[in-house]
């Protein structure tokens, strides 16, 4: 049995959830190029780092929008409102990327990127970058299967969010609705589980910071889909 087969049989890919030393070096090199004049990398510079690393926007746009929102709307507030979905998601990003661990007190937040946290997050983005074509082609098959009567263009495919009705269409398209005995071979509960399986990483940290995905309800984006493929060992 191959290494990949074992990983698929027994659970999540260990390689996908571990740091690639080559990617770590690439991140540190980009980090160094942006901190020549200042030893600290502020959160506002993170989109530039992603650009230097040539990470496709479909995998980092959620992070960039959170950063914009923080500087435009949250720097001057006294206390963040956890019931406000944009504020909540932005604060989760700050906790997962910066040296600030206490996000309850906005006044104590420092917008300095923690290098260890940065490596952990960006390592996966680099995996998505290098396997972009595999991710896109597989994602395209899913989207087209959910739209049996039409075919979407590339930009629509990249920005598409799969919902439960879409997944039901895919199930029907793949003839997974019924077995010969008339029972469901792939239950709707499995599809619902799929919608929520990529909301956090193995440590329980938020992995997708898409404001509109959270607000509109459970869905799967191309970034979520890339996470699924990675955990299945497709990038090993």
Protein backbone atom coordinates (compact mmCIF):
# COMPACT_ATOMS: atom_id res chain seq x y z
CA UNK A 1 0.00 0.00 0.00
CA UNK A 2 1.36 3.42 -0.94
CA UNK A 3 2.02 6.20 1.53
CA UNK A 4 -0.85 8.23 0.09
CA UNK A 5 -3.26 5.28 0.34
CA UNK A 6 -2.37 4.81 3.99
CA UNK A 7 -3.00 8.48 4.71
CA UNK A 8 -6.38 8.36 3.01
CA UNK A 9 -7.34 5.21 4.89
CA UNK A 10 -6.34 6.33 8.36
CA UNK A 11 -7.10 10.05 8.38
CA UNK A 12 -5.76 13.46 7.57
CA UNK A 13 -2.50 13.91 5.73
CA UNK A 14 0.36 14.48 8.16
CA UNK A 15 2.47 16.14 5.47
CA UNK A 16 -0.20 18.70 4.63
CA UNK A 17 -0.51 19.73 8.28
CA UNK A 18 3.25 19.98 8.84
CA UNK A 19 5.61 22.78 7.81
CA UNK A 20 7.51 22.29 4.56
CA UNK A 21 11.13 23.44 5.20
CA UNK A 22 11.45 24.81 1.66
CA UNK A 23 8.32 26.90 2.09
CA UNK A 24 9.58 28.10 5.46
CA UNK A 25 12.76 29.37 3.80
CA UNK A 26 10.71 31.07 1.09
CA UNK A 27 8.52 32.80 3.68
CA UNK A 28 11.54 33.94 5.71
CA UNK A 29 13.19 35.33 2.58
CA UNK A 30 10.07 37.32 1.69
CA UNK A 31 9.73 38.43 5.32
CA UNK A 32 13.35 39.61 5.32
CA UNK A 33 12.87 41.62 2.12
CA UNK A 34 9.97 43.52 3.73
CA UNK A 35 11.74 44.19 7.05
CA UNK A 36 15.02 45.68 5.85
CA UNK A 37 14.23 49.13 7.29
CA UNK A 38 12.07 47.94 10.19
CA UNK A 39 12.66 44.63 12.01
CA UNK A 40 8.92 44.19 12.60
CA UNK A 41 6.37 43.29 9.94
CA UNK A 42 3.10 45.07 10.59
CA UNK A 43 -0.21 43.50 9.65
CA UNK A 44 -0.76 46.11 6.94
CA UNK A 45 2.23 44.69 5.02
CA UNK A 46 0.87 41.14 4.92
CA UNK A 47 -0.94 41.55 1.54
CA UNK A 48 2.38 42.72 0.09
CA UNK A 49 4.08 39.59 1.43
CA UNK A 50 1.41 37.41 -0.19
CA UNK A 51 2.00 39.29 -3.43
CA UNK A 52 5.77 38.71 -3.23
CA UNK A 53 5.05 35.00 -2.73
CA UNK A 54 2.67 35.05 -5.72
CA UNK A 55 -0.20 33.47 -3.83
CA UNK A 56 -3.39 33.48 -5.95
CA UNK A 57 -5.90 36.00 -4.63
CA UNK A 58 -8.63 33.35 -4.26
CA UNK A 59 -6.61 31.89 -1.36
CA UNK A 60 -5.67 35.10 0.49
CA UNK A 61 -8.38 37.63 -0.39
CA UNK A 62 -10.29 36.76 2.80
CA UNK A 63 -7.22 37.66 4.89
CA UNK A 64 -6.56 40.86 2.94
CA UNK A 65 -10.17 42.03 3.41
CA UNK A 66 -9.93 41.42 7.16
CA UNK A 67 -6.77 43.50 7.31
CA UNK A 68 -8.42 46.35 5.40
CA UNK A 69 -11.40 46.18 7.75
CA UNK A 70 -9.19 46.31 10.83
CA UNK A 71 -7.37 49.48 9.78
CA UNK A 72 -10.49 51.19 8.44
CA UNK A 73 -12.97 50.36 11.20
CA UNK A 74 -11.40 48.81 14.30
CA UNK A 75 -8.24 50.61 15.33
CA UNK A 76 -10.07 53.32 17.23
CA UNK A 77 -12.86 51.33 18.89
CA UNK A 78 -12.72 50.79 22.66
CA UNK A 79 -14.17 47.28 22.70
CA UNK A 80 -15.04 44.96 19.88
CA UNK A 81 -18.53 43.54 19.45
CA UNK A 82 -18.33 39.76 19.21
CA UNK A 83 -21.87 39.66 17.77
CA UNK A 84 -20.66 41.69 14.78
CA UNK A 85 -19.49 38.98 12.35
CA UNK A 86 -16.91 41.21 10.63
CA UNK A 87 -15.37 42.32 13.92
CA UNK A 88 -15.37 38.77 15.27
CA UNK A 89 -13.66 37.28 12.22
CA UNK A 90 -11.12 40.10 12.07
CA UNK A 91 -10.19 39.57 15.70
CA UNK A 92 -9.71 35.86 15.07
CA UNK A 93 -7.26 36.72 12.31
CA UNK A 94 -5.40 39.11 14.61
CA UNK A 95 -5.13 36.36 17.24
CA UNK A 96 -3.89 33.84 14.67
CA UNK A 97 -1.35 36.09 12.92
CA UNK A 98 -0.05 38.78 15.29
CA UNK A 99 1.84 38.75 18.59
CA UNK A 100 -1.39 39.78 20.36
CA UNK A 101 -2.97 36.84 22.16
CA UNK A 102 -5.56 38.76 24.22
CA UNK A 103 -8.18 40.01 21.79
CA UNK A 104 -10.73 40.90 24.49
CA UNK A 105 -9.00 44.21 25.17
CA UNK A 106 -8.68 46.07 21.86
CA UNK A 107 -6.44 48.73 23.42
CA UNK A 108 -3.66 46.16 24.02
CA UNK A 109 -3.55 44.83 20.47
CA UNK A 110 -0.27 45.19 18.62
CA UNK A 111 -0.47 44.81 14.86
CA UNK A 112 2.95 43.14 14.63
CA UNK A 113 3.02 39.81 12.78
CA UNK A 114 4.25 36.81 14.76
CA UNK A 115 6.75 35.03 12.51
CA UNK A 116 5.90 31.53 13.79
CA UNK A 117 2.17 32.10 13.26
CA UNK A 118 2.89 33.59 9.85
CA UNK A 119 4.84 30.52 8.75
CA UNK A 120 2.05 28.21 9.89
CA UNK A 121 -0.63 30.08 7.93
CA UNK A 122 1.43 30.88 4.84
CA UNK A 123 2.84 27.36 4.49
CA UNK A 124 -0.63 26.14 3.49
CA UNK A 125 -1.16 29.07 1.15
CA UNK A 126 2.05 28.13 -0.65
CA UNK A 127 0.82 24.55 -0.99
CA UNK A 128 -2.38 25.91 -2.52
CA UNK A 129 -0.30 28.10 -4.83
CA UNK A 130 1.84 25.24 -6.13
CA UNK A 131 -1.16 22.94 -6.62
CA UNK A 132 -3.42 25.66 -7.98
CA UNK A 133 -4.14 23.90 -11.28
CA UNK A 134 -5.08 20.65 -9.55
CA UNK A 135 -7.33 22.52 -7.13
CA UNK A 136 -8.96 24.62 -9.84
CA UNK A 137 -9.67 21.75 -12.23
CA UNK A 138 -11.18 19.59 -9.47
CA UNK A 139 -13.20 22.53 -8.13
CA UNK A 140 -14.43 23.29 -11.66
CA UNK A 141 -15.75 19.73 -11.99
CA UNK A 142 -17.73 20.16 -8.76
CA UNK A 143 -19.17 23.51 -9.82
CA UNK A 144 -20.14 22.29 -13.27
CA UNK A 145 -21.76 19.21 -11.73
CA UNK A 146 -23.89 21.48 -9.54
CA UNK A 147 -24.97 23.53 -12.59
CA UNK A 148 -26.23 20.82 -14.90
CA UNK A 149 -27.88 23.30 -17.28
CA UNK A 150 -25.06 25.85 -17.58
CA UNK A 151 -21.28 26.31 -17.45
CA UNK A 152 -19.71 29.20 -15.52
CA UNK A 153 -16.69 31.25 -16.53
CA UNK A 154 -13.37 31.13 -14.67
CA UNK A 155 -13.99 34.13 -12.41
CA UNK A 156 -17.42 32.85 -11.41
CA UNK A 157 -15.92 29.45 -10.63
CA UNK A 158 -13.17 30.95 -8.45
CA UNK A 159 -15.64 33.03 -6.43
CA UNK A 160 -18.38 30.42 -6.22
CA UNK A 161 -19.64 29.17 -2.85
CA UNK A 162 -21.10 25.67 -2.79
CA UNK A 163 -24.21 25.41 -0.61
CA UNK A 164 -26.27 22.41 0.47
CA UNK A 165 -28.54 22.57 -2.63
CA UNK A 166 -25.42 22.58 -4.82
CA UNK A 167 -24.04 19.53 -3.06
CA UNK A 168 -27.37 17.75 -3.51
CA UNK A 169 -27.18 18.50 -7.24
CA UNK A 170 -23.66 17.06 -7.34
CA UNK A 171 -24.85 13.97 -5.51
CA UNK A 172 -27.59 13.51 -8.09
CA UNK A 173 -25.19 14.15 -10.98
CA UNK A 174 -22.86 11.42 -9.69
CA UNK A 175 -25.77 9.00 -9.14
CA UNK A 176 -25.16 8.86 -5.39
CA UNK A 177 -28.78 9.40 -4.36
CA UNK A 178 -30.00 5.84 -4.13
CA UNK A 179 -28.70 2.32 -3.91
CA UNK A 180 -30.45 -0.58 -5.62
CA UNK A 181 -32.46 -1.22 -2.45
CA UNK A 182 -33.89 2.31 -2.52
CA UNK A 183 -31.91 3.62 0.46
CA UNK A 184 -29.71 6.71 0.35
CA UNK A 185 -26.11 5.80 -0.32
CA UNK A 186 -24.86 9.27 0.62
CA UNK A 187 -27.03 10.93 3.26
CA UNK A 188 -27.70 14.65 3.51
CA UNK A 189 -26.12 14.64 6.97
CA UNK A 190 -22.79 13.79 5.29
CA UNK A 191 -23.20 16.80 3.00
CA UNK A 192 -23.94 19.06 5.97
CA UNK A 193 -20.80 17.78 7.71
CA UNK A 194 -18.82 18.61 4.57
CA UNK A 195 -20.03 22.21 4.72
CA UNK A 196 -18.50 22.69 8.15
CA UNK A 197 -15.42 20.48 7.99
CA UNK A 198 -13.00 23.21 6.85
CA UNK A 199 -14.01 26.07 9.11
CA UNK A 200 -11.07 25.41 11.45
CA UNK A 201 -7.61 23.87 11.32
CA UNK A 202 -6.59 20.80 13.40
CA UNK A 203 -5.92 23.12 16.38
CA UNK A 204 -9.38 24.67 16.24
CA UNK A 205 -8.19 27.98 14.75
CA UNK A 206 -10.27 29.65 12.05
CA UNK A 207 -8.84 28.87 8.61
CA UNK A 208 -11.18 30.84 6.34
CA UNK A 209 -11.82 34.52 7.14
CA UNK A 210 -14.43 35.16 4.45
CA UNK A 211 -16.93 37.68 5.88
CA UNK A 212 -19.68 36.81 3.45
CA UNK A 213 -19.28 33.05 3.73
CA UNK A 214 -19.96 33.27 7.46
CA UNK A 215 -22.86 35.70 7.09
CA UNK A 216 -24.65 33.80 4.33
CA UNK A 217 -24.51 30.46 6.15
CA UNK A 218 -22.64 27.21 5.65
CA UNK A 219 -20.89 26.90 2.31
CA UNK A 220 -17.67 25.66 0.72
CA UNK A 221 -15.31 28.03 -1.13
CA UNK A 222 -12.36 27.11 -3.33
CA UNK A 223 -10.11 27.77 -0.32
CA UNK A 224 -12.14 25.31 1.78
CA UNK A 225 -11.99 22.84 -1.08
CA UNK A 226 -8.20 23.19 -1.26
CA UNK A 227 -8.09 22.41 2.48
CA UNK A 228 -10.14 19.26 1.88
CA UNK A 229 -7.84 18.10 -0.92
CA UNK A 230 -4.79 18.79 1.22
CA UNK A 231 -6.13 16.79 4.13
CA UNK A 232 -6.91 13.92 1.75
CA UNK A 233 -3.24 13.82 0.74
CA UNK A 234 -3.61 15.22 -2.78
CA UNK A 235 -0.57 17.47 -2.32
CA UNK A 236 1.75 14.86 -0.76
